[in-house]
Amino acid sequence: MSDAAYLDQAAVWSKDLTRMKARGPGDTENAMRQIERQYGVDYGFLWSLRYRRERLRTISISVYESIRAAYREECARQMRKLENDIAKTEEITGPDHAAVRAAKALLGKD
């Protein structure tokens, strides 16, 4: 894989992470700072990936792996959160409710 491909993938993960952490429009900086605190990925590099991508030429393997690990961990956290929400909805509405069936189908647990 080329340096550009690694950078492109890291940029995608960074944007997705930021989107998952942001609480709404205008919360991008806070989300990137939270990623730095929670996962140890440097805020400045996240910012550069987002706003100065064309100026970056390389990415160190340690930064790439940190972003990948953070992305995977956050995706797993989001899945646990979704499963918890499905369980709560199922308790309230019953297992045959359309929303419960649709959510379980999305997870492949129908």
N, C-alpha and C. Protein backbone atom coordinates (compact mmCIF):
# COMPACT_ATOMS: atom_id res chain seq x y z
N MET A 1 0.85 -1.17 0.00
CA MET A 1 0.00 0.00 0.00
C MET A 1 0.91 1.24 0.00
N SER A 2 0.54 2.25 -0.75
CA SER A 2 1.36 3.47 -0.84
C SER A 2 1.14 4.37 0.37
N ASP A 3 2.06 5.32 0.55
CA ASP A 3 1.92 6.29 1.64
C ASP A 3 0.60 7.04 1.54
N ALA A 4 0.23 7.41 0.33
CA ALA A 4 -1.02 8.14 0.12
C ALA A 4 -2.23 7.30 0.53
N ALA A 5 -2.19 6.02 0.25
CA ALA A 5 -3.30 5.14 0.62
C ALA A 5 -3.42 5.03 2.14
N TYR A 6 -2.28 4.93 2.84
CA TYR A 6 -2.30 4.91 4.30
C TYR A 6 -2.88 6.21 4.85
N LEU A 7 -2.44 7.32 4.29
CA LEU A 7 -2.96 8.61 4.73
C LEU A 7 -4.45 8.74 4.46
N ASP A 8 -4.89 8.29 3.30
CA ASP A 8 -6.32 8.35 2.97
C ASP A 8 -7.14 7.53 3.95
N GLN A 9 -6.67 6.31 4.25
CA GLN A 9 -7.40 5.47 5.20
C GLN A 9 -7.42 6.09 6.58
N ALA A 10 -6.30 6.63 7.03
CA ALA A 10 -6.24 7.29 8.34
C ALA A 10 -7.19 8.48 8.38
N ALA A 11 -7.28 9.22 7.27
CA ALA A 11 -8.20 10.37 7.21
C ALA A 11 -9.65 9.93 7.33
N VAL A 12 -9.99 8.83 6.67
CA VAL A 12 -11.36 8.31 6.76
C VAL A 12 -11.67 7.90 8.20
N TRP A 13 -10.76 7.14 8.82
CA TRP A 13 -10.98 6.73 10.21
C TRP A 13 -11.09 7.93 11.13
N SER A 14 -10.23 8.93 10.91
CA SER A 14 -10.24 10.13 11.74
C SER A 14 -11.57 10.87 11.62
N LYS A 15 -12.06 11.03 10.40
CA LYS A 15 -13.35 11.71 10.22
C LYS A 15 -14.49 10.94 10.84
N ASP A 16 -14.47 9.62 10.68
CA ASP A 16 -15.53 8.80 11.29
C ASP A 16 -15.47 8.86 12.81
N LEU A 17 -14.27 8.78 13.37
CA LEU A 17 -14.11 8.90 14.82
C LEU A 17 -14.65 10.23 15.32
N THR A 18 -14.27 11.29 14.63
CA THR A 18 -14.71 12.63 15.01
C THR A 18 -16.23 12.74 14.95
N ARG A 19 -16.81 12.19 13.90
CA ARG A 19 -18.27 12.21 13.75
C ARG A 19 -18.94 11.45 14.89
N MET A 20 -18.37 10.29 15.27
CA MET A 20 -18.96 9.50 16.36
C MET A 20 -18.86 10.21 17.70
N LYS A 21 -17.81 10.98 17.89
CA LYS A 21 -17.59 11.67 19.17
C LYS A 21 -18.27 13.04 19.25
N ALA A 22 -18.54 13.66 18.12
CA ALA A 22 -19.13 15.01 18.12
C ALA A 22 -20.57 14.95 18.62
N ARG A 23 -20.96 15.96 19.35
CA ARG A 23 -22.31 16.04 19.90
C ARG A 23 -23.25 16.83 19.01
N GLY A 24 -22.73 17.33 17.92
CA GLY A 24 -23.55 18.09 16.99
C GLY A 24 -22.68 19.02 16.16
N PRO A 25 -23.31 19.79 15.29
CA PRO A 25 -22.55 20.73 14.45
C PRO A 25 -21.74 21.70 15.31
N GLY A 26 -20.53 21.95 14.91
CA GLY A 26 -19.68 22.89 15.64
C GLY A 26 -18.90 22.25 16.77
N ASP A 27 -19.02 20.95 16.96
CA ASP A 27 -18.34 20.28 18.06
C ASP A 27 -17.11 19.49 17.60
N THR A 28 -16.64 19.77 16.41
CA THR A 28 -15.53 19.01 15.83
C THR A 28 -14.26 19.12 16.66
N GLU A 29 -13.90 20.33 17.05
CA GLU A 29 -12.67 20.51 17.82
C GLU A 29 -12.75 19.78 19.16
N ASN A 30 -13.88 19.91 19.84
CA ASN A 30 -14.04 19.20 21.11
C ASN A 30 -13.97 17.69 20.92
N ALA A 31 -14.55 17.20 19.84
CA ALA A 31 -14.51 15.77 19.56
C ALA A 31 -13.07 15.31 19.32
N MET A 32 -12.30 16.08 18.57
CA MET A 32 -10.90 15.71 18.32
C MET A 32 -10.09 15.75 19.61
N ARG A 33 -10.36 16.70 20.47
CA ARG A 33 -9.66 16.76 21.76
C ARG A 33 -10.04 15.56 22.63
N GLN A 34 -11.31 15.17 22.57
CA GLN A 34 -11.75 14.00 23.33
C GLN A 34 -11.06 12.73 22.82
N ILE A 35 -10.91 12.61 21.52
CA ILE A 35 -10.20 11.47 20.93
C ILE A 35 -8.76 11.44 21.42
N GLU A 36 -8.13 12.62 21.47
CA GLU A 36 -6.76 12.70 21.97
C GLU A 36 -6.68 12.22 23.42
N ARG A 37 -7.60 12.69 24.26
CA ARG A 37 -7.59 12.30 25.67
C ARG A 37 -7.89 10.82 25.85
N GLN A 38 -8.89 10.34 25.14
CA GLN A 38 -9.35 8.97 25.34
C GLN A 38 -8.45 7.92 24.69
N TYR A 39 -7.96 8.21 23.50
CA TYR A 39 -7.23 7.21 22.74
C TYR A 39 -5.75 7.55 22.53
N GLY A 40 -5.32 8.75 22.88
CA GLY A 40 -3.92 9.11 22.76
C GLY A 40 -3.47 9.50 21.36
N VAL A 41 -4.42 9.74 20.47
CA VAL A 41 -4.09 10.17 19.11
C VAL A 41 -3.92 11.69 19.14
N ASP A 42 -2.79 12.18 18.70
CA ASP A 42 -2.45 13.60 18.77
C ASP A 42 -3.49 14.48 18.07
N TYR A 43 -3.98 15.47 18.79
CA TYR A 43 -4.97 16.40 18.24
C TYR A 43 -4.45 17.10 16.99
N GLY A 44 -3.21 17.52 17.02
CA GLY A 44 -2.63 18.22 15.88
C GLY A 44 -2.61 17.37 14.62
N PHE A 45 -2.33 16.09 14.78
CA PHE A 45 -2.33 15.22 13.61
C PHE A 45 -3.75 14.99 13.11
N LEU A 46 -4.71 14.82 14.02
CA LEU A 46 -6.12 14.70 13.61
C LEU A 46 -6.55 15.93 12.84
N TRP A 47 -6.15 17.09 13.35
CA TRP A 47 -6.51 18.35 12.69
C TRP A 47 -5.90 18.41 11.29
N SER A 48 -4.63 18.02 11.21
CA SER A 48 -3.95 18.03 9.90
C SER A 48 -4.60 17.06 8.92
N LEU A 49 -4.98 15.90 9.39
CA LEU A 49 -5.66 14.93 8.51
C LEU A 49 -6.97 15.51 7.98
N ARG A 50 -7.63 16.27 8.81
CA ARG A 50 -8.93 16.82 8.42
C ARG A 50 -8.81 18.05 7.53
N TYR A 51 -7.91 18.96 7.88
CA TYR A 51 -7.88 20.26 7.21
C TYR A 51 -6.66 20.49 6.31
N ARG A 52 -5.63 19.70 6.45
CA ARG A 52 -4.40 19.89 5.67
C ARG A 52 -3.95 18.59 5.02
N ARG A 53 -4.88 17.74 4.71
CA ARG A 53 -4.56 16.41 4.18
C ARG A 53 -3.62 16.48 2.98
N GLU A 54 -3.84 17.43 2.10
CA GLU A 54 -3.03 17.51 0.87
C GLU A 54 -1.57 17.86 1.16
N ARG A 55 -1.28 18.42 2.31
CA ARG A 55 0.11 18.79 2.65
C ARG A 55 0.87 17.64 3.31
N LEU A 56 0.15 16.66 3.82
CA LEU A 56 0.81 15.53 4.48
C LEU A 56 1.36 14.59 3.42
N ARG A 57 2.55 14.08 3.65
CA ARG A 57 3.18 13.18 2.69
C ARG A 57 3.27 11.75 3.23
N THR A 58 3.49 11.63 4.54
CA THR A 58 3.66 10.31 5.14
C THR A 58 2.94 10.26 6.49
N ILE A 59 2.79 9.03 6.97
CA ILE A 59 2.24 8.82 8.30
C ILE A 59 3.08 7.72 8.95
N SER A 60 3.43 7.91 10.20
CA SER A 60 4.21 6.87 10.87
C SER A 60 3.30 5.69 11.17
N ILE A 61 3.89 4.53 11.23
CA ILE A 61 3.10 3.33 11.49
C ILE A 61 2.46 3.39 12.87
N SER A 62 3.13 4.01 13.84
CA SER A 62 2.57 4.09 15.19
C SER A 62 1.33 4.98 15.20
N VAL A 63 1.34 6.08 14.46
CA VAL A 63 0.17 6.95 14.40
C VAL A 63 -0.96 6.26 13.64
N TYR A 64 -0.61 5.62 12.52
CA TYR A 64 -1.60 4.88 11.74
C TYR A 64 -2.27 3.81 12.61
N GLU A 65 -1.47 3.03 13.33
CA GLU A 65 -2.02 1.97 14.18
C GLU A 65 -2.82 2.54 15.34
N SER A 66 -2.42 3.68 15.88
CA SER A 66 -3.18 4.32 16.96
C SER A 66 -4.55 4.75 16.48
N ILE A 67 -4.60 5.32 15.29
CA ILE A 67 -5.89 5.76 14.73
C ILE A 67 -6.76 4.53 14.43
N ARG A 68 -6.15 3.49 13.87
CA ARG A 68 -6.91 2.28 13.57
C ARG A 68 -7.46 1.63 14.84
N ALA A 69 -6.64 1.53 15.87
CA ALA A 69 -7.09 0.95 17.13
C ALA A 69 -8.20 1.77 17.76
N ALA A 70 -8.06 3.10 17.72
CA ALA A 70 -9.09 3.97 18.27
C ALA A 70 -10.40 3.81 17.49
N TYR A 71 -10.30 3.73 16.18
CA TYR A 71 -11.49 3.56 15.34
C TYR A 71 -12.19 2.24 15.67
N ARG A 72 -11.42 1.17 15.75
CA ARG A 72 -12.01 -0.14 16.07
C ARG A 72 -12.63 -0.16 17.45
N GLU A 73 -11.95 0.43 18.41
CA GLU A 73 -12.48 0.47 19.78
C GLU A 73 -13.78 1.28 19.84
N GLU A 74 -13.80 2.39 19.14
CA GLU A 74 -15.00 3.23 19.13
C GLU A 74 -16.16 2.53 18.42
N CYS A 75 -15.87 1.82 17.34
CA CYS A 75 -16.92 1.05 16.64
C CYS A 75 -17.48 -0.03 17.57
N ALA A 76 -16.61 -0.71 18.29
CA ALA A 76 -17.06 -1.73 19.24
C ALA A 76 -17.92 -1.10 20.34
N ARG A 77 -17.51 0.07 20.81
CA ARG A 77 -18.29 0.77 21.83
C ARG A 77 -19.66 1.15 21.30
N GLN A 78 -19.71 1.62 20.07
CA GLN A 78 -20.99 1.99 19.45
C GLN A 78 -21.89 0.77 19.29
N MET A 79 -21.31 -0.38 18.94
CA MET A 79 -22.10 -1.61 18.80
C MET A 79 -22.66 -2.06 20.15
N ARG A 80 -21.86 -1.97 21.20
CA ARG A 80 -22.37 -2.32 22.54
C ARG A 80 -23.51 -1.39 22.93
N LYS A 81 -23.35 -0.13 22.61
CA LYS A 81 -24.39 0.86 22.91
C LYS A 81 -25.68 0.53 22.14
N LEU A 82 -25.55 0.18 20.87
CA LEU A 82 -26.70 -0.19 20.06
C LEU A 82 -27.39 -1.44 20.61
N GLU A 83 -26.60 -2.45 20.96
CA GLU A 83 -27.17 -3.67 21.52
C GLU A 83 -27.91 -3.38 22.82
N ASN A 84 -27.38 -2.50 23.64
CA ASN A 84 -28.04 -2.10 24.88
C ASN A 84 -29.36 -1.38 24.57
N ASP A 85 -29.34 -0.49 23.60
CA ASP A 85 -30.55 0.22 23.21
C ASP A 85 -31.62 -0.74 22.67
N ILE A 86 -31.18 -1.73 21.91
CA ILE A 86 -32.12 -2.73 21.39
C ILE A 86 -32.75 -3.50 22.54
N ALA A 87 -31.93 -3.91 23.51
CA ALA A 87 -32.45 -4.65 24.66
C ALA A 87 -33.46 -3.82 25.44
N LYS A 88 -33.17 -2.55 25.65
CA LYS A 88 -34.10 -1.67 26.37
C LYS A 88 -35.41 -1.51 25.59
N THR A 89 -35.29 -1.31 24.28
CA THR A 89 -36.48 -1.17 23.44
C THR A 89 -37.30 -2.45 23.45
N GLU A 90 -36.62 -3.58 23.43
CA GLU A 90 -37.30 -4.87 23.45
C GLU A 90 -38.07 -5.06 24.76
N GLU A 91 -37.48 -4.61 25.87
CA GLU A 91 -38.17 -4.70 27.16
C GLU A 91 -39.45 -3.87 27.17
N ILE A 92 -39.40 -2.72 26.53
CA ILE A 92 -40.55 -1.81 26.53
C ILE A 92 -41.61 -2.24 25.53
N THR A 93 -41.18 -2.58 24.33
CA THR A 93 -42.15 -2.83 23.25
C THR A 93 -42.42 -4.29 22.98
N GLY A 94 -41.52 -5.17 23.43
CA GLY A 94 -41.66 -6.59 23.14
C GLY A 94 -40.79 -6.96 21.95
N PRO A 95 -40.47 -8.25 21.85
CA PRO A 95 -39.55 -8.69 20.81
C PRO A 95 -40.13 -8.66 19.40
N ASP A 96 -41.44 -8.56 19.27
CA ASP A 96 -42.06 -8.59 17.94
C ASP A 96 -42.29 -7.20 17.35
N HIS A 97 -41.89 -6.16 18.05
CA HIS A 97 -42.07 -4.80 17.53
C HIS A 97 -41.19 -4.61 16.29
N ALA A 98 -41.69 -3.85 15.33
CA ALA A 98 -40.98 -3.64 14.06
C ALA A 98 -39.60 -3.02 14.26
N ALA A 99 -39.48 -2.08 15.19
CA ALA A 99 -38.19 -1.43 15.43
C ALA A 99 -37.17 -2.43 15.97
N VAL A 100 -37.60 -3.31 16.85
CA VAL A 100 -36.70 -4.31 17.42
C VAL A 100 -36.26 -5.29 16.33
N ARG A 101 -37.21 -5.76 15.54
CA ARG A 101 -36.88 -6.70 14.47
C ARG A 101 -35.92 -6.06 13.45
N ALA A 102 -36.18 -4.80 13.10
CA ALA A 102 -35.32 -4.10 12.12
C ALA A 102 -33.91 -3.92 12.67
N ALA A 103 -33.80 -3.53 13.94
CA ALA A 103 -32.48 -3.32 14.53
C ALA A 103 -31.71 -4.65 14.62
N LYS A 104 -32.40 -5.72 15.01
CA LYS A 104 -31.73 -7.01 15.10
C LYS A 104 -31.32 -7.50 13.71
N ALA A 105 -32.15 -7.23 12.71
CA ALA A 105 -31.79 -7.62 11.34
C ALA A 105 -30.55 -6.86 10.89
N LEU A 106 -30.46 -5.60 11.27
CA LEU A 106 -29.30 -4.79 10.91
C LEU A 106 -28.02 -5.38 11.51
N LEU A 107 -28.13 -5.91 12.72
CA LEU A 107 -26.98 -6.51 13.39
C LEU A 107 -26.78 -7.96 12.96
N GLY A 108 -27.73 -8.50 12.22
CA GLY A 108 -27.63 -9.90 11.82
C GLY A 108 -28.01 -10.85 12.93
N LYS A 109 -28.86 -10.40 13.84
CA LYS A 109 -29.27 -11.22 14.99
C LYS A 109 -30.76 -11.53 14.96
N ASP A 110 -31.30 -11.74 13.77
CA ASP A 110 -32.74 -12.02 13.69
C ASP A 110 -33.04 -13.46 13.79
